[in-house]
N, C-alpha and C. Protein backbone atom coordinates (compact mmCIF):
# COMPACT_ATOMS: atom_id res chain seq x y z
N MET A 1 8.42 -19.58 -17.65
CA MET A 1 7.66 -18.42 -17.20
C MET A 1 6.82 -17.88 -18.34
N THR A 2 5.68 -17.36 -17.99
CA THR A 2 4.81 -16.80 -19.00
C THR A 2 5.06 -15.31 -19.15
N THR A 3 4.77 -14.80 -20.32
CA THR A 3 4.91 -13.37 -20.58
C THR A 3 3.67 -12.65 -20.09
N PRO A 4 3.86 -11.54 -19.35
CA PRO A 4 2.68 -10.83 -18.85
C PRO A 4 1.85 -10.25 -19.99
N ASP A 5 0.55 -10.30 -19.83
CA ASP A 5 -0.37 -9.79 -20.82
C ASP A 5 -0.67 -8.32 -20.52
N PRO A 6 -0.27 -7.38 -21.40
CA PRO A 6 -0.48 -5.96 -21.09
C PRO A 6 -1.95 -5.55 -21.10
N THR A 7 -2.81 -6.37 -21.70
CA THR A 7 -4.24 -6.03 -21.71
C THR A 7 -4.97 -6.58 -20.50
N ASN A 8 -4.28 -7.30 -19.64
CA ASN A 8 -4.88 -7.88 -18.44
C ASN A 8 -5.20 -6.77 -17.44
N PRO A 9 -6.47 -6.58 -17.05
CA PRO A 9 -6.80 -5.51 -16.12
C PRO A 9 -6.24 -5.72 -14.72
N SER A 10 -5.83 -6.92 -14.39
CA SER A 10 -5.25 -7.15 -13.07
C SER A 10 -3.73 -7.12 -13.15
N GLY A 11 -3.19 -6.51 -14.18
CA GLY A 11 -1.74 -6.44 -14.38
C GLY A 11 -1.07 -5.54 -13.36
N TRP A 12 0.23 -5.51 -13.43
CA TRP A 12 1.02 -4.77 -12.45
C TRP A 12 0.83 -3.27 -12.54
N LYS A 13 0.47 -2.77 -13.71
CA LYS A 13 0.22 -1.33 -13.83
C LYS A 13 -0.90 -0.91 -12.88
N TYR A 14 -1.97 -1.67 -12.84
CA TYR A 14 -3.10 -1.33 -11.98
C TYR A 14 -2.81 -1.65 -10.52
N ARG A 15 -2.07 -2.70 -10.29
CA ARG A 15 -1.70 -3.02 -8.90
C ARG A 15 -0.83 -1.92 -8.32
N ARG A 16 0.15 -1.46 -9.11
CA ARG A 16 1.00 -0.37 -8.62
C ARG A 16 0.20 0.88 -8.34
N ARG A 17 -0.75 1.19 -9.21
CA ARG A 17 -1.57 2.38 -9.02
C ARG A 17 -2.36 2.29 -7.72
N ILE A 18 -2.92 1.14 -7.43
CA ILE A 18 -3.68 0.96 -6.19
C ILE A 18 -2.77 1.07 -4.98
N VAL A 19 -1.57 0.45 -5.06
CA VAL A 19 -0.63 0.52 -3.95
C VAL A 19 -0.18 1.95 -3.71
N PHE A 20 0.17 2.68 -4.76
CA PHE A 20 0.63 4.05 -4.59
C PHE A 20 -0.48 4.95 -4.05
N CYS A 21 -1.69 4.76 -4.52
CA CYS A 21 -2.80 5.57 -4.01
C CYS A 21 -3.06 5.27 -2.53
N THR A 22 -2.97 4.00 -2.15
CA THR A 22 -3.15 3.63 -0.75
C THR A 22 -2.07 4.25 0.13
N LEU A 23 -0.82 4.19 -0.34
CA LEU A 23 0.27 4.78 0.43
C LEU A 23 0.16 6.30 0.52
N LEU A 24 -0.26 6.95 -0.55
CA LEU A 24 -0.46 8.39 -0.50
C LEU A 24 -1.59 8.77 0.44
N TYR A 25 -2.66 7.98 0.45
CA TYR A 25 -3.77 8.22 1.35
C TYR A 25 -3.31 8.08 2.81
N CYS A 26 -2.56 7.03 3.09
CA CYS A 26 -2.04 6.83 4.45
C CYS A 26 -1.13 7.98 4.85
N ALA A 27 -0.25 8.38 3.94
CA ALA A 27 0.66 9.49 4.25
C ALA A 27 -0.11 10.79 4.48
N GLY A 28 -1.17 10.99 3.71
CA GLY A 28 -1.98 12.20 3.90
C GLY A 28 -2.68 12.23 5.25
N ILE A 29 -3.24 11.11 5.65
CA ILE A 29 -3.93 11.04 6.94
C ILE A 29 -2.94 11.24 8.09
N VAL A 30 -1.81 10.53 8.01
CA VAL A 30 -0.80 10.66 9.07
C VAL A 30 -0.23 12.08 9.09
N GLY A 31 0.03 12.63 7.92
CA GLY A 31 0.54 14.01 7.85
C GLY A 31 -0.44 15.01 8.42
N TYR A 32 -1.73 14.80 8.18
CA TYR A 32 -2.74 15.70 8.73
C TYR A 32 -2.77 15.62 10.26
N VAL A 33 -2.75 14.41 10.78
CA VAL A 33 -2.81 14.24 12.24
C VAL A 33 -1.56 14.84 12.89
N VAL A 34 -0.40 14.60 12.29
CA VAL A 34 0.84 15.14 12.85
C VAL A 34 0.89 16.66 12.65
N GLY A 35 0.46 17.13 11.48
CA GLY A 35 0.51 18.55 11.19
C GLY A 35 -0.41 19.39 12.04
N THR A 36 -1.56 18.85 12.42
CA THR A 36 -2.49 19.60 13.27
C THR A 36 -2.20 19.38 14.75
N ARG A 37 -1.16 18.62 15.03
CA ARG A 37 -0.71 18.37 16.41
C ARG A 37 -1.82 17.81 17.30
N GLN A 38 -2.49 16.81 16.78
CA GLN A 38 -3.54 16.15 17.56
C GLN A 38 -2.90 15.08 18.44
N ASP A 39 -2.31 15.53 19.52
CA ASP A 39 -1.63 14.60 20.42
C ASP A 39 -2.62 14.05 21.45
N THR A 40 -3.54 13.26 20.93
CA THR A 40 -4.53 12.62 21.78
C THR A 40 -4.43 11.11 21.56
N GLU A 41 -5.15 10.37 22.33
CA GLU A 41 -5.17 8.92 22.15
C GLU A 41 -5.74 8.56 20.78
N LEU A 42 -6.77 9.29 20.36
CA LEU A 42 -7.35 9.03 19.05
C LEU A 42 -6.35 9.33 17.93
N GLY A 43 -5.61 10.42 18.07
CA GLY A 43 -4.59 10.75 17.07
C GLY A 43 -3.51 9.68 16.99
N ARG A 44 -3.08 9.19 18.13
CA ARG A 44 -2.07 8.12 18.15
C ARG A 44 -2.62 6.84 17.52
N LEU A 45 -3.87 6.53 17.80
CA LEU A 45 -4.49 5.34 17.24
C LEU A 45 -4.61 5.46 15.71
N ILE A 46 -4.96 6.64 15.23
CA ILE A 46 -5.06 6.86 13.79
C ILE A 46 -3.70 6.68 13.13
N VAL A 47 -2.66 7.26 13.71
CA VAL A 47 -1.31 7.13 13.15
C VAL A 47 -0.86 5.67 13.16
N MET A 48 -1.11 4.97 14.24
CA MET A 48 -0.71 3.56 14.31
C MET A 48 -1.49 2.71 13.30
N THR A 49 -2.78 2.98 13.16
CA THR A 49 -3.61 2.21 12.23
C THR A 49 -3.18 2.42 10.79
N PHE A 50 -3.01 3.67 10.39
CA PHE A 50 -2.64 3.94 9.01
C PHE A 50 -1.18 3.61 8.74
N GLY A 51 -0.34 3.66 9.76
CA GLY A 51 1.03 3.17 9.60
C GLY A 51 1.04 1.66 9.38
N GLY A 52 0.18 0.95 10.08
CA GLY A 52 0.06 -0.49 9.88
C GLY A 52 -0.50 -0.83 8.52
N LEU A 53 -1.46 -0.04 8.06
CA LEU A 53 -2.02 -0.26 6.72
C LEU A 53 -0.95 -0.05 5.66
N ALA A 54 -0.15 1.00 5.79
CA ALA A 54 0.92 1.25 4.83
C ALA A 54 1.96 0.13 4.86
N SER A 55 2.33 -0.31 6.05
CA SER A 55 3.31 -1.40 6.16
C SER A 55 2.80 -2.69 5.57
N SER A 56 1.55 -3.01 5.84
CA SER A 56 1.01 -4.26 5.29
C SER A 56 0.82 -4.16 3.78
N THR A 57 0.50 -2.99 3.27
CA THR A 57 0.38 -2.81 1.82
C THR A 57 1.72 -3.06 1.14
N ILE A 58 2.79 -2.51 1.69
CA ILE A 58 4.13 -2.74 1.13
C ILE A 58 4.50 -4.21 1.23
N ALA A 59 4.21 -4.84 2.36
CA ALA A 59 4.57 -6.24 2.54
C ALA A 59 3.83 -7.13 1.54
N TYR A 60 2.53 -6.90 1.37
CA TYR A 60 1.77 -7.71 0.42
C TYR A 60 2.17 -7.44 -1.02
N TYR A 61 2.56 -6.22 -1.32
CA TYR A 61 3.03 -5.89 -2.66
C TYR A 61 4.31 -6.67 -2.99
N VAL A 62 5.25 -6.66 -2.05
CA VAL A 62 6.50 -7.40 -2.25
C VAL A 62 6.23 -8.91 -2.29
N PHE A 63 5.39 -9.40 -1.40
CA PHE A 63 5.07 -10.82 -1.39
C PHE A 63 4.39 -11.24 -2.69
N GLY A 64 3.47 -10.42 -3.17
CA GLY A 64 2.80 -10.74 -4.43
C GLY A 64 3.75 -10.76 -5.61
N ALA A 65 4.69 -9.84 -5.62
CA ALA A 65 5.67 -9.82 -6.71
C ALA A 65 6.56 -11.05 -6.65
N ALA A 66 7.00 -11.40 -5.47
CA ALA A 66 7.85 -12.58 -5.33
C ALA A 66 7.08 -13.85 -5.67
N TRP A 67 5.85 -13.94 -5.24
CA TRP A 67 5.02 -15.12 -5.53
C TRP A 67 4.80 -15.28 -7.03
N GLU A 68 4.45 -14.19 -7.68
CA GLU A 68 4.19 -14.27 -9.11
C GLU A 68 5.47 -14.61 -9.89
N ARG A 69 6.58 -14.10 -9.42
CA ARG A 69 7.84 -14.38 -10.10
C ARG A 69 8.26 -15.83 -9.97
N THR A 70 8.09 -16.41 -8.78
CA THR A 70 8.51 -17.79 -8.58
C THR A 70 7.50 -18.79 -9.11
N LYS A 71 6.23 -18.47 -9.04
CA LYS A 71 5.19 -19.39 -9.49
C LYS A 71 4.85 -19.23 -10.96
N GLY A 72 5.22 -18.09 -11.55
CA GLY A 72 4.95 -17.87 -12.96
C GLY A 72 3.48 -17.76 -13.29
N VAL A 73 2.73 -17.13 -12.40
CA VAL A 73 1.28 -17.00 -12.62
C VAL A 73 1.01 -15.98 -13.68
């Protein structure tokens, strides 16, 4: 396995920052829709869409970590 390069701009520090910002953005949008009680079809679609974005972000984050660990990229 190779040692991670801390000067690499595509390192895990930046990946984590992007993932956390994406999850916070999704939580903010969903929280706003739920907090303002927008119980409409559009509100439900927004919650489902951003819930899917958050789920896929977590899944790709875990997959990327596992891939890099096993492949030693």
